[in-house]
Full PDB file with SEQRES, HELIX, SHEET, SSBOND, CRYST1, ORIGX, SCALE, CONECT and MASTER records, all heavy atoms in Angstrom:
SEQRES   1 A   35  ASP LYS ILE ASN ARG PHE ALA GLU ARG ASN ARG HIS GLN          
SEQRES   2 A   35  LEU PHE VAL GLU PRO GLU GLY TRP ASN THR ILE GLU ILE          
SEQRES   3 A   35  TYR VAL ASN GLY PHE SER SER SER LEU                          
HELIX    1 AA1 LYS A    2  ARG A    5  1                                   4    
SHEET    1 AA1 2 PHE A  15  PRO A  18  0                                        
SHEET    2 AA1 2 ILE A  26  ASN A  29 -1                                        
CRYST1    1.000    1.000    1.000  90.00  90.00  90.00 P 1           1          
ORIGX1      1.000000  0.000000  0.000000        0.00000                         
ORIGX2      0.000000  1.000000  0.000000        0.00000                         
ORIGX3      0.000000  0.000000  1.000000        0.00000                         
SCALE1      1.000000  0.000000  0.000000        0.00000                         
SCALE2      0.000000  1.000000  0.000000        0.00000                         
SCALE3      0.000000  0.000000  1.000000        0.00000                         
ATOM      1  N   ASP A   1     132.639 180.251 138.046  1.00  0.00           N  
ATOM      2  CA  ASP A   1     133.287 181.550 138.181  1.00  0.00           C  
ATOM      3  C   ASP A   1     133.447 181.911 139.657  1.00  0.00           C  
ATOM      4  O   ASP A   1     134.480 182.436 140.084  1.00  0.00           O  
ATOM      5  CB  ASP A   1     132.444 182.606 137.456  1.00  0.00           C  
ATOM      6  CG  ASP A   1     133.229 183.885 137.186  1.00  0.00           C  
ATOM      7  OD1 ASP A   1     134.468 183.836 137.235  1.00  0.00           O  
ATOM      8  OD2 ASP A   1     132.601 184.922 136.945  1.00  0.00           O  
ATOM      9  N   LYS A   2     132.412 181.606 140.472  1.00  0.00           N  
ATOM     10  CA  LYS A   2     132.473 181.916 141.904  1.00  0.00           C  
ATOM     11  C   LYS A   2     133.592 181.150 142.603  1.00  0.00           C  
ATOM     12  O   LYS A   2     134.343 181.725 143.397  1.00  0.00           O  
ATOM     13  CB  LYS A   2     131.121 181.609 142.559  1.00  0.00           C  
ATOM     14  CG  LYS A   2     130.082 182.696 142.348  1.00  0.00           C  
ATOM     15  CD  LYS A   2     128.862 182.509 143.225  1.00  0.00           C  
ATOM     16  CE  LYS A   2     127.853 181.603 142.603  1.00  0.00           C  
ATOM     17  NZ  LYS A   2     126.536 181.657 143.287  1.00  0.00           N  
ATOM     18  N   ILE A   3     133.695 179.852 142.332  1.00  0.00           N  
ATOM     19  CA  ILE A   3     134.728 179.089 143.053  1.00  0.00           C  
ATOM     20  C   ILE A   3     136.121 179.404 142.528  1.00  0.00           C  
ATOM     21  O   ILE A   3     137.118 179.179 143.221  1.00  0.00           O  
ATOM     22  CB  ILE A   3     134.455 177.562 143.024  1.00  0.00           C  
ATOM     23  CG1 ILE A   3     134.528 177.008 141.600  1.00  0.00           C  
ATOM     24  CG2 ILE A   3     133.103 177.245 143.643  1.00  0.00           C  
ATOM     25  CD1 ILE A   3     134.423 175.485 141.554  1.00  0.00           C  
ATOM     26  N   ASN A   4     136.206 179.959 141.326  1.00  0.00           N  
ATOM     27  CA  ASN A   4     137.498 180.365 140.788  1.00  0.00           C  
ATOM     28  C   ASN A   4     137.905 181.732 141.337  1.00  0.00           C  
ATOM     29  O   ASN A   4     139.040 181.922 141.786  1.00  0.00           O  
ATOM     30  CB  ASN A   4     137.430 180.406 139.257  1.00  0.00           C  
ATOM     31  CG  ASN A   4     138.763 180.737 138.616  1.00  0.00           C  
ATOM     32  OD1 ASN A   4     139.764 180.068 138.862  1.00  0.00           O  
ATOM     33  ND2 ASN A   4     138.791 181.770 137.794  1.00  0.00           N  
ATOM     34  N   ARG A   5     136.953 182.694 141.350  1.00  0.00           N  
ATOM     35  CA  ARG A   5     137.251 184.061 141.807  1.00  0.00           C  
ATOM     36  C   ARG A   5     137.348 184.162 143.321  1.00  0.00           C  
ATOM     37  O   ARG A   5     138.068 184.997 143.856  1.00  0.00           O  
ATOM     38  CB  ARG A   5     136.174 185.017 141.287  1.00  0.00           C  
ATOM     39  CG  ARG A   5     136.326 185.375 139.823  1.00  0.00           C  
ATOM     40  CD  ARG A   5     135.068 186.041 139.267  1.00  0.00           C  
ATOM     41  NE  ARG A   5     134.622 187.170 140.076  1.00  0.00           N  
ATOM     42  CZ  ARG A   5     133.440 187.778 139.914  1.00  0.00           C  
ATOM     43  NH1 ARG A   5     132.601 187.328 138.993  1.00  0.00           N  
ATOM     44  NH2 ARG A   5     133.100 188.798 140.660  1.00  0.00           N  
ATOM     45  N   PHE A   6     136.576 183.337 144.010  1.00  0.00           N  
ATOM     46  CA  PHE A   6     136.542 183.403 145.478  1.00  0.00           C  
ATOM     47  C   PHE A   6     137.025 182.070 146.056  1.00  0.00           C  
ATOM     48  O   PHE A   6     136.314 181.399 146.802  1.00  0.00           O  
ATOM     49  CB  PHE A   6     135.126 183.723 145.966  1.00  0.00           C  
ATOM     50  CG  PHE A   6     134.525 184.937 145.298  1.00  0.00           C  
ATOM     51  CD1 PHE A   6     133.507 184.803 144.371  1.00  0.00           C  
ATOM     52  CD2 PHE A   6     135.000 186.209 145.587  1.00  0.00           C  
ATOM     53  CE1 PHE A   6     132.960 185.914 143.746  1.00  0.00           C  
ATOM     54  CE2 PHE A   6     134.457 187.330 144.967  1.00  0.00           C  
ATOM     55  CZ  PHE A   6     133.436 187.189 144.048  1.00  0.00           C  
ATOM     56  N   ALA A   7     138.250 181.712 145.673  1.00  0.00           N  
ATOM     57  CA  ALA A   7     138.792 180.411 146.047  1.00  0.00           C  
ATOM     58  C   ALA A   7     138.924 180.243 147.556  1.00  0.00           C  
ATOM     59  O   ALA A   7     138.953 179.121 148.070  1.00  0.00           O  
ATOM     60  CB  ALA A   7     140.154 180.214 145.375  1.00  0.00           C  
ATOM     61  N   GLU A   8     138.972 181.357 148.290  1.00  0.00           N  
ATOM     62  CA  GLU A   8     139.145 181.278 149.747  1.00  0.00           C  
ATOM     63  C   GLU A   8     137.857 180.835 150.451  1.00  0.00           C  
ATOM     64  O   GLU A   8     137.891 180.430 151.613  1.00  0.00           O  
ATOM     65  CB  GLU A   8     139.602 182.634 150.295  1.00  0.00           C  
ATOM     66  CG  GLU A   8     138.539 183.732 150.326  1.00  0.00           C  
ATOM     67  CD  GLU A   8     138.266 184.398 148.978  1.00  0.00           C  
ATOM     68  OE1 GLU A   8     138.912 183.998 147.975  1.00  0.00           O  
ATOM     69  OE2 GLU A   8     137.417 185.311 148.926  1.00  0.00           O  
ATOM     70  N   ARG A   9     136.721 180.898 149.755  1.00  0.00           N  
ATOM     71  CA  ARG A   9     135.449 180.513 150.382  1.00  0.00           C  
ATOM     72  C   ARG A   9     135.214 179.009 150.236  1.00  0.00           C  
ATOM     73  O   ARG A   9     135.363 178.455 149.145  1.00  0.00           O  
ATOM     74  CB  ARG A   9     134.287 181.271 149.738  1.00  0.00           C  
ATOM     75  CG  ARG A   9     134.376 182.778 149.942  1.00  0.00           C  
ATOM     76  CD  ARG A   9     133.111 183.452 149.471  1.00  0.00           C  
ATOM     77  NE  ARG A   9     133.237 184.913 149.523  1.00  0.00           N  
ATOM     78  CZ  ARG A   9     132.303 185.757 149.115  1.00  0.00           C  
ATOM     79  NH1 ARG A   9     131.164 185.287 148.626  1.00  0.00           N  
ATOM     80  NH2 ARG A   9     132.488 187.049 149.203  1.00  0.00           N  
ATOM     81  N   ASN A  10     134.829 178.394 151.347  1.00  0.00           N  
ATOM     82  CA  ASN A  10     134.616 176.944 151.289  1.00  0.00           C  
ATOM     83  C   ASN A  10     133.167 176.551 151.035  1.00  0.00           C  
ATOM     84  O   ASN A  10     132.841 175.377 150.969  1.00  0.00           O  
ATOM     85  CB  ASN A  10     135.115 176.255 152.572  1.00  0.00           C  
ATOM     86  CG  ASN A  10     134.442 176.827 153.812  1.00  0.00           C  
ATOM     87  OD1 ASN A  10     133.403 177.473 153.731  1.00  0.00           O  
ATOM     88  ND2 ASN A  10     135.049 176.587 154.970  1.00  0.00           N  
ATOM     89  N   ARG A  11     132.285 177.553 150.883  1.00  0.00           N  
ATOM     90  CA  ARG A  11     130.912 177.247 150.514  1.00  0.00           C  
ATOM     91  C   ARG A  11     130.232 178.467 149.900  1.00  0.00           C  
ATOM     92  O   ARG A  11     130.658 179.606 150.125  1.00  0.00           O  
ATOM     93  CB  ARG A  11     130.106 176.761 151.724  1.00  0.00           C  
ATOM     94  CG  ARG A  11     129.807 177.822 152.766  1.00  0.00           C  
ATOM     95  CD  ARG A  11     128.886 177.248 153.844  1.00  0.00           C  
ATOM     96  NE  ARG A  11     128.352 178.299 154.708  1.00  0.00           N  
ATOM     97  CZ  ARG A  11     127.388 178.115 155.608  1.00  0.00           C  
ATOM     98  NH1 ARG A  11     126.873 176.892 155.775  1.00  0.00           N  
ATOM     99  NH2 ARG A  11     126.940 179.106 156.348  1.00  0.00           N  
ATOM    100  N   HIS A  12     129.208 178.229 149.116  1.00  0.00           N  
ATOM    101  CA  HIS A  12     128.417 179.293 148.512  1.00  0.00           C  
ATOM    102  C   HIS A  12     126.936 178.976 148.712  1.00  0.00           C  
ATOM    103  O   HIS A  12     126.509 177.815 148.645  1.00  0.00           O  
ATOM    104  CB  HIS A  12     128.718 179.426 147.017  1.00  0.00           C  
ATOM    105  CG  HIS A  12     130.090 179.961 146.730  1.00  0.00           C  
ATOM    106  ND1 HIS A  12     130.419 181.292 146.840  1.00  0.00           N  
ATOM    107  CD2 HIS A  12     131.228 179.323 146.352  1.00  0.00           C  
ATOM    108  CE1 HIS A  12     131.692 181.468 146.540  1.00  0.00           C  
ATOM    109  NE2 HIS A  12     132.214 180.281 146.243  1.00  0.00           N  
ATOM    110  N   GLN A  13     126.162 180.018 148.936  1.00  0.00           N  
ATOM    111  CA  GLN A  13     124.730 179.865 149.229  1.00  0.00           C  
ATOM    112  C   GLN A  13     123.947 179.558 147.957  1.00  0.00           C  
ATOM    113  O   GLN A  13     124.200 180.129 146.897  1.00  0.00           O  
ATOM    114  CB  GLN A  13     124.231 181.174 149.843  1.00  0.00           C  
ATOM    115  CG  GLN A  13     122.869 181.111 150.483  1.00  0.00           C  
ATOM    116  CD  GLN A  13     122.525 182.430 151.166  1.00  0.00           C  
ATOM    117  OE1 GLN A  13     122.560 183.495 150.557  1.00  0.00           O  
ATOM    118  NE2 GLN A  13     122.210 182.367 152.445  1.00  0.00           N  
ATOM    119  N   LEU A  14     123.001 178.647 148.075  1.00  0.00           N  
ATOM    120  CA  LEU A  14     122.096 178.317 146.978  1.00  0.00           C  
ATOM    121  C   LEU A  14     120.651 178.490 147.438  1.00  0.00           C  
ATOM    122  O   LEU A  14     120.300 178.082 148.546  1.00  0.00           O  
ATOM    123  CB  LEU A  14     122.304 176.868 146.515  1.00  0.00           C  
ATOM    124  CG  LEU A  14     123.706 176.465 146.050  1.00  0.00           C  
ATOM    125  CD1 LEU A  14     123.738 174.981 145.731  1.00  0.00           C  
ATOM    126  CD2 LEU A  14     124.138 177.284 144.834  1.00  0.00           C  
ATOM    127  N   PHE A  15     119.822 179.089 146.588  1.00  0.00           N  
ATOM    128  CA  PHE A  15     118.395 179.240 146.888  1.00  0.00           C  
ATOM    129  C   PHE A  15     117.614 178.219 146.067  1.00  0.00           C  
ATOM    130  O   PHE A  15     117.746 178.181 144.837  1.00  0.00           O  
ATOM    131  CB  PHE A  15     117.929 180.658 146.552  1.00  0.00           C  
ATOM    132  CG  PHE A  15     118.522 181.709 147.441  1.00  0.00           C  
ATOM    133  CD1 PHE A  15     119.721 182.331 147.107  1.00  0.00           C  
ATOM    134  CD2 PHE A  15     117.897 182.081 148.626  1.00  0.00           C  
ATOM    135  CE1 PHE A  15     120.284 183.299 147.918  1.00  0.00           C  
ATOM    136  CE2 PHE A  15     118.459 183.049 149.453  1.00  0.00           C  
ATOM    137  CZ  PHE A  15     119.643 183.656 149.103  1.00  0.00           C  
ATOM    138  N   VAL A  16     116.840 177.426 146.750  1.00  0.00           N  
ATOM    139  CA  VAL A  16     116.045 176.379 146.103  1.00  0.00           C  
ATOM    140  C   VAL A  16     114.639 176.933 145.930  1.00  0.00           C  
ATOM    141  O   VAL A  16     113.878 177.055 146.893  1.00  0.00           O  
ATOM    142  CB  VAL A  16     116.051 175.098 146.962  1.00  0.00           C  
ATOM    143  CG1 VAL A  16     115.264 173.991 146.294  1.00  0.00           C  
ATOM    144  CG2 VAL A  16     117.498 174.650 147.222  1.00  0.00           C  
ATOM    145  N   GLU A  17     114.295 177.292 144.684  1.00  0.00           N  
ATOM    146  CA  GLU A  17     113.080 178.056 144.423  1.00  0.00           C  
ATOM    147  C   GLU A  17     112.053 177.247 143.631  1.00  0.00           C  
ATOM    148  O   GLU A  17     112.358 176.770 142.527  1.00  0.00           O  
ATOM    149  CB  GLU A  17     113.427 179.333 143.634  1.00  0.00           C  
ATOM    150  CG  GLU A  17     114.423 180.224 144.356  1.00  0.00           C  
ATOM    151  CD  GLU A  17     114.785 181.483 143.558  1.00  0.00           C  
ATOM    152  OE1 GLU A  17     114.403 181.570 142.370  1.00  0.00           O  
ATOM    153  OE2 GLU A  17     115.458 182.353 144.129  1.00  0.00           O  
ATOM    154  N   PRO A  18     110.831 177.100 144.150  1.00  0.00           N  
ATOM    155  CA  PRO A  18     109.781 176.412 143.390  1.00  0.00           C  
ATOM    156  C   PRO A  18     109.355 177.232 142.178  1.00  0.00           C  
ATOM    157  O   PRO A  18     109.337 178.460 142.225  1.00  0.00           O  
ATOM    158  CB  PRO A  18     108.636 176.279 144.401  1.00  0.00           C  
ATOM    159  CG  PRO A  18     108.876 177.369 145.402  1.00  0.00           C  
ATOM    160  CD  PRO A  18     110.366 177.563 145.463  1.00  0.00           C  
ATOM    161  N   GLU A  19     109.014 176.537 141.092  1.00  0.00           N  
ATOM    162  CA  GLU A  19     108.647 177.213 139.844  1.00  0.00           C  
ATOM    163  C   GLU A  19     107.150 177.497 139.740  1.00  0.00           C  
ATOM    164  O   GLU A  19     106.699 178.057 138.731  1.00  0.00           O  
ATOM    165  CB  GLU A  19     109.093 176.367 138.644  1.00  0.00           C  
ATOM    166  CG  GLU A  19     110.590 176.165 138.573  1.00  0.00           C  
ATOM    167  CD  GLU A  19     111.205 176.857 137.376  1.00  0.00           C  
ATOM    168  OE1 GLU A  19     110.480 177.268 136.477  1.00  0.00           O  
ATOM    169  OE2 GLU A  19     112.444 176.990 137.347  1.00  0.00           O  
ATOM    170  N   GLY A  20     106.369 177.091 140.740  1.00  0.00           N  
ATOM    171  CA  GLY A  20     104.937 177.377 140.668  1.00  0.00           C  
ATOM    172  C   GLY A  20     104.141 176.624 141.715  1.00  0.00           C  
ATOM    173  O   GLY A  20     104.684 175.869 142.530  1.00  0.00           O  
ATOM    174  N   TRP A  21     102.815 176.853 141.678  1.00  0.00           N  
ATOM    175  CA  TRP A  21     101.916 176.196 142.630  1.00  0.00           C  
ATOM    176  C   TRP A  21     101.805 174.694 142.368  1.00  0.00           C  
ATOM    177  O   TRP A  21     101.800 173.891 143.288  1.00  0.00           O  
ATOM    178  CB  TRP A  21     100.505 176.795 142.532  1.00  0.00           C  
ATOM    179  CG  TRP A  21     100.344 178.196 143.014  1.00  0.00           C  
ATOM    180  CD1 TRP A  21     100.042 179.293 142.261  1.00  0.00           C  
ATOM    181  CD2 TRP A  21     100.451 178.663 144.362  1.00  0.00           C  
ATOM    182  NE1 TRP A  21      99.965 180.413 143.050  1.00  0.00           N  
ATOM    183  CE2 TRP A  21     100.201 180.054 144.348  1.00  0.00           C  
ATOM    184  CE3 TRP A  21     100.738 178.036 145.584  1.00  0.00           C  
ATOM    185  CZ2 TRP A  21     100.221 180.829 145.511  1.00  0.00           C  
ATOM    186  CZ3 TRP A  21     100.747 178.807 146.737  1.00  0.00           C  
ATOM    187  CH2 TRP A  21     100.501 180.183 146.694  1.00  0.00           C  
ATOM    188  N   ASN A  22     101.692 174.337 141.095  1.00  0.00           N  
ATOM    189  CA  ASN A  22     101.317 172.964 140.746  1.00  0.00           C  
ATOM    190  C   ASN A  22     102.367 172.269 139.909  1.00  0.00           C  
ATOM    191  O   ASN A  22     102.050 171.537 138.967  1.00  0.00           O  
ATOM    192  CB  ASN A  22      99.975 172.979 139.989  1.00  0.00           C  
ATOM    193  CG  ASN A  22      98.875 173.634 140.800  1.00  0.00           C  
ATOM    194  OD1 ASN A  22      98.641 173.267 141.948  1.00  0.00           O  
ATOM    195  ND2 ASN A  22      98.196 174.612 140.207  1.00  0.00           N  
ATOM    196  N   THR A  23     103.626 172.522 140.220  1.00  0.00           N  
ATOM    197  CA  THR A  23     104.700 171.862 139.493  1.00  0.00           C  
ATOM    198  C   THR A  23     105.756 171.383 140.479  1.00  0.00           C  
ATOM    199  O   THR A  23     105.926 171.968 141.554  1.00  0.00           O  
ATOM    200  CB  THR A  23     105.339 172.803 138.442  1.00  0.00           C  
ATOM    201  OG1 THR A  23     106.401 172.120 137.767  1.00  0.00           O  
ATOM    202  CG2 THR A  23     105.917 174.051 139.098  1.00  0.00           C  
ATOM    203  N   ILE A  24     106.448 170.322 140.088  1.00  0.00           N  
ATOM    204  CA  ILE A  24     107.533 169.793 140.921  1.00  0.00           C  
ATOM    205  C   ILE A  24     108.877 170.393 140.506  1.00  0.00           C  
ATOM    206  O   ILE A  24     109.905 170.105 141.118  1.00  0.00           O  
ATOM    207  CB  ILE A  24     107.597 168.254 140.827  1.00  0.00           C  
ATOM    208  CG1 ILE A  24     107.774 167.823 139.363  1.00  0.00           C  
ATOM    209  CG2 ILE A  24     106.350 167.629 141.444  1.00  0.00           C  
ATOM    210  CD1 ILE A  24     108.047 166.353 139.167  1.00  0.00           C  
ATOM    211  N   GLU A  25     108.873 171.237 139.466  1.00  0.00           N  
ATOM    212  CA  GLU A  25     110.124 171.784 138.938  1.00  0.00           C  
ATOM    213  C   GLU A  25     110.713 172.813 139.898  1.00  0.00           C  
ATOM    214  O   GLU A  25     110.004 173.653 140.444  1.00  0.00           O  
ATOM    215  CB  GLU A  25     109.884 172.418 137.565  1.00  0.00           C  
ATOM    216  CG  GLU A  25     111.175 172.794 136.846  1.00  0.00           C  
ATOM    217  CD  GLU A  25     110.931 173.217 135.408  1.00  0.00           C  
ATOM    218  OE1 GLU A  25     109.774 173.179 134.938  1.00  0.00           O  
ATOM    219  OE2 GLU A  25     111.909 173.590 134.737  1.00  0.00           O  
ATOM    220  N   ILE A  26     112.014 172.729 140.087  1.00  0.00           N  
ATOM    221  CA  ILE A  26     112.752 173.595 141.016  1.00  0.00           C  
ATOM    222  C   ILE A  26     113.875 174.311 140.275  1.00  0.00           C  
ATOM    223  O   ILE A  26     114.578 173.722 139.444  1.00  0.00           O  
ATOM    224  CB  ILE A  26     113.345 172.771 142.183  1.00  0.00           C  
ATOM    225  CG1 ILE A  26     112.231 172.127 143.018  1.00  0.00           C  
ATOM    226  CG2 ILE A  26     114.249 173.633 143.062  1.00  0.00           C  
ATOM    227  CD1 ILE A  26     111.366 173.097 143.797  1.00  0.00           C  
ATOM    228  N   TYR A  27     114.073 175.583 140.627  1.00  0.00           N  
ATOM    229  CA  TYR A  27     115.138 176.415 140.072  1.00  0.00           C  
ATOM    230  C   TYR A  27     116.231 176.549 141.135  1.00  0.00           C  
ATOM    231  O   TYR A  27     115.947 176.957 142.266  1.00  0.00           O  
ATOM    232  CB  TYR A  27     114.555 177.786 139.730  1.00  0.00           C  
ATOM    233  CG  TYR A  27     115.527 178.792 139.163  1.00  0.00           C  
ATOM    234  CD1 TYR A  27     115.730 178.890 137.798  1.00  0.00           C  
ATOM    235  CD2 TYR A  27     116.218 179.668 139.997  1.00  0.00           C  
ATOM    236  CE1 TYR A  27     116.593 179.831 137.273  1.00  0.00           C  
ATOM    237  CE2 TYR A  27     117.089 180.609 139.483  1.00  0.00           C  
ATOM    238  CZ  TYR A  27     117.270 180.685 138.114  1.00  0.00           C  
ATOM    239  OH  TYR A  27     118.133 181.606 137.591  1.00  0.00           O  
ATOM    240  N   VAL A  28     117.464 176.201 140.786  1.00  0.00           N  
ATOM    241  CA  VAL A  28     118.565 176.227 141.758  1.00  0.00           C  
ATOM    242  C   VAL A  28     119.325 177.551 141.601  1.00  0.00           C  
ATOM    243  O   VAL A  28     120.330 177.635 140.897  1.00  0.00           O  
ATOM    244  CB  VAL A  28     119.517 175.028 141.566  1.00  0.00           C  
ATOM    245  CG1 VAL A  28     120.483 174.934 142.752  1.00  0.00           C  
ATOM    246  CG2 VAL A  28     118.738 173.734 141.421  1.00  0.00           C  
ATOM    247  N   ASN A  29     118.842 178.572 142.275  1.00  0.00           N  
ATOM    248  CA  ASN A  29     119.408 179.910 142.159  1.00  0.00           C  
ATOM    249  C   ASN A  29     120.789 179.949 142.820  1.00  0.00           C  
ATOM    250  O   ASN A  29     120.931 179.628 143.992  1.00  0.00           O  
ATOM    251  CB  ASN A  29     118.469 180.914 142.835  1.00  0.00           C  
ATOM    252  CG  ASN A  29     118.766 182.341 142.436  1.00  0.00           C  
ATOM    253  OD1 ASN A  29     119.851 182.661 141.969  1.00  0.00           O  
ATOM    254  ND2 ASN A  29     117.793 183.214 142.624  1.00  0.00           N  
ATOM    255  N   GLY A  30     121.805 180.355 142.046  1.00  0.00           N  
ATOM    256  CA  GLY A  30     123.174 180.402 142.561  1.00  0.00           C  
ATOM    257  C   GLY A  30     124.053 179.335 141.967  1.00  0.00           C  
ATOM    258  O   GLY A  30     125.261 179.285 142.225  1.00  0.00           O  
ATOM    259  N   PHE A  31     123.449 178.438 141.132  1.00  0.00           N  
ATOM    260  CA  PHE A  31     124.218 177.341 140.549  1.00  0.00           C  
ATOM    261  C   PHE A  31     124.210 177.441 139.025  1.00  0.00           C  
ATOM    262  O   PHE A  31     124.222 176.456 138.308  1.00  0.00           O  
ATOM    263  CB  PHE A  31     123.639 175.992 140.993  1.00  0.00           C  
ATOM    264  CG  PHE A  31     124.621 174.843 140.930  1.00  0.00           C  
ATOM    265  CD1 PHE A  31     125.472 174.581 141.986  1.00  0.00           C  
ATOM    266  CD2 PHE A  31     124.689 174.024 139.813  1.00  0.00           C  
ATOM    267  CE1 PHE A  31     126.370 173.520 141.930  1.00  0.00           C  
ATOM    268  CE2 PHE A  31     125.592 172.965 139.746  1.00  0.00           C  
ATOM    269  CZ  PHE A  31     126.431 172.711 140.809  1.00  0.00           C  
ATOM    270  N   SER A  32     124.198 178.665 138.515  1.00  0.00           N  
ATOM    271  CA  SER A  32     124.302 178.871 137.076  1.00  0.00           C  
ATOM    272  C   SER A  32     125.617 178.254 136.583  1.00  0.00           C  
ATOM    273  O   SER A  32     126.659 178.430 137.213  1.00  0.00           O  
ATOM    274  CB  SER A  32     124.275 180.363 136.772  1.00  0.00           C  
ATOM    275  OG  SER A  32     124.486 180.613 135.410  1.00  0.00           O  
ATOM    276  N   SER A  33     125.563 177.541 135.460  1.00  0.00           N  
ATOM    277  CA  SER A  33     126.770 176.830 135.033  1.00  0.00           C  
ATOM    278  C   SER A  33     126.747 176.524 133.542  1.00  0.00           C  
ATOM    279  O   SER A  33     125.681 176.325 132.949  1.00  0.00           O  
ATOM    280  CB  SER A  33     126.899 175.511 135.806  1.00  0.00           C  
ATOM    281  OG  SER A  33     128.054 174.808 135.402  1.00  0.00           O  
ATOM    282  N   SER A  34     127.954 176.487 132.953  1.00  0.00           N  
ATOM    283  CA  SER A  34     128.109 176.024 131.572  1.00  0.00           C  
ATOM    284  C   SER A  34     129.010 174.789 131.525  1.00  0.00           C  
ATOM    285  O   SER A  34     129.477 174.398 130.464  1.00  0.00           O  
ATOM    286  CB  SER A  34     128.697 177.139 130.705  1.00  0.00           C  
ATOM    287  OG  SER A  34     129.980 177.513 131.189  1.00  0.00           O  
ATOM    288  N   LEU A  35     129.260 174.189 132.691  1.00  0.00           N  
ATOM    289  CA  LEU A  35     130.098 172.986 132.748  1.00  0.00           C  
ATOM    290  C   LEU A  35     129.381 171.808 132.095  1.00  0.00           C  
ATOM    291  O   LEU A  35     128.153 171.825 131.941  1.00  0.00           O  
ATOM    292  CB  LEU A  35     130.418 172.653 134.204  1.00  0.00           C  
ATOM    293  CG  LEU A  35     131.447 173.556 134.888  1.00  0.00           C  
ATOM    294  CD1 LEU A  35     131.408 173.379 136.394  1.00  0.00           C  
ATOM    295  CD2 LEU A  35     132.853 173.278 134.348  1.00  0.00           C  
TER     296      LEU A  35                                                      
MASTER        0    0    0    1    2    0    0    6  295    1    0    3          
END                                                                             
């Protein structure tokens, strides 16, 4: 939706967020997708 609505922007910010103290799992905030 972001790249469709804001086609003039050549990049979008993503936050790489750890899911906890003792896990390797990462949440990619800003890359929500149904593709």
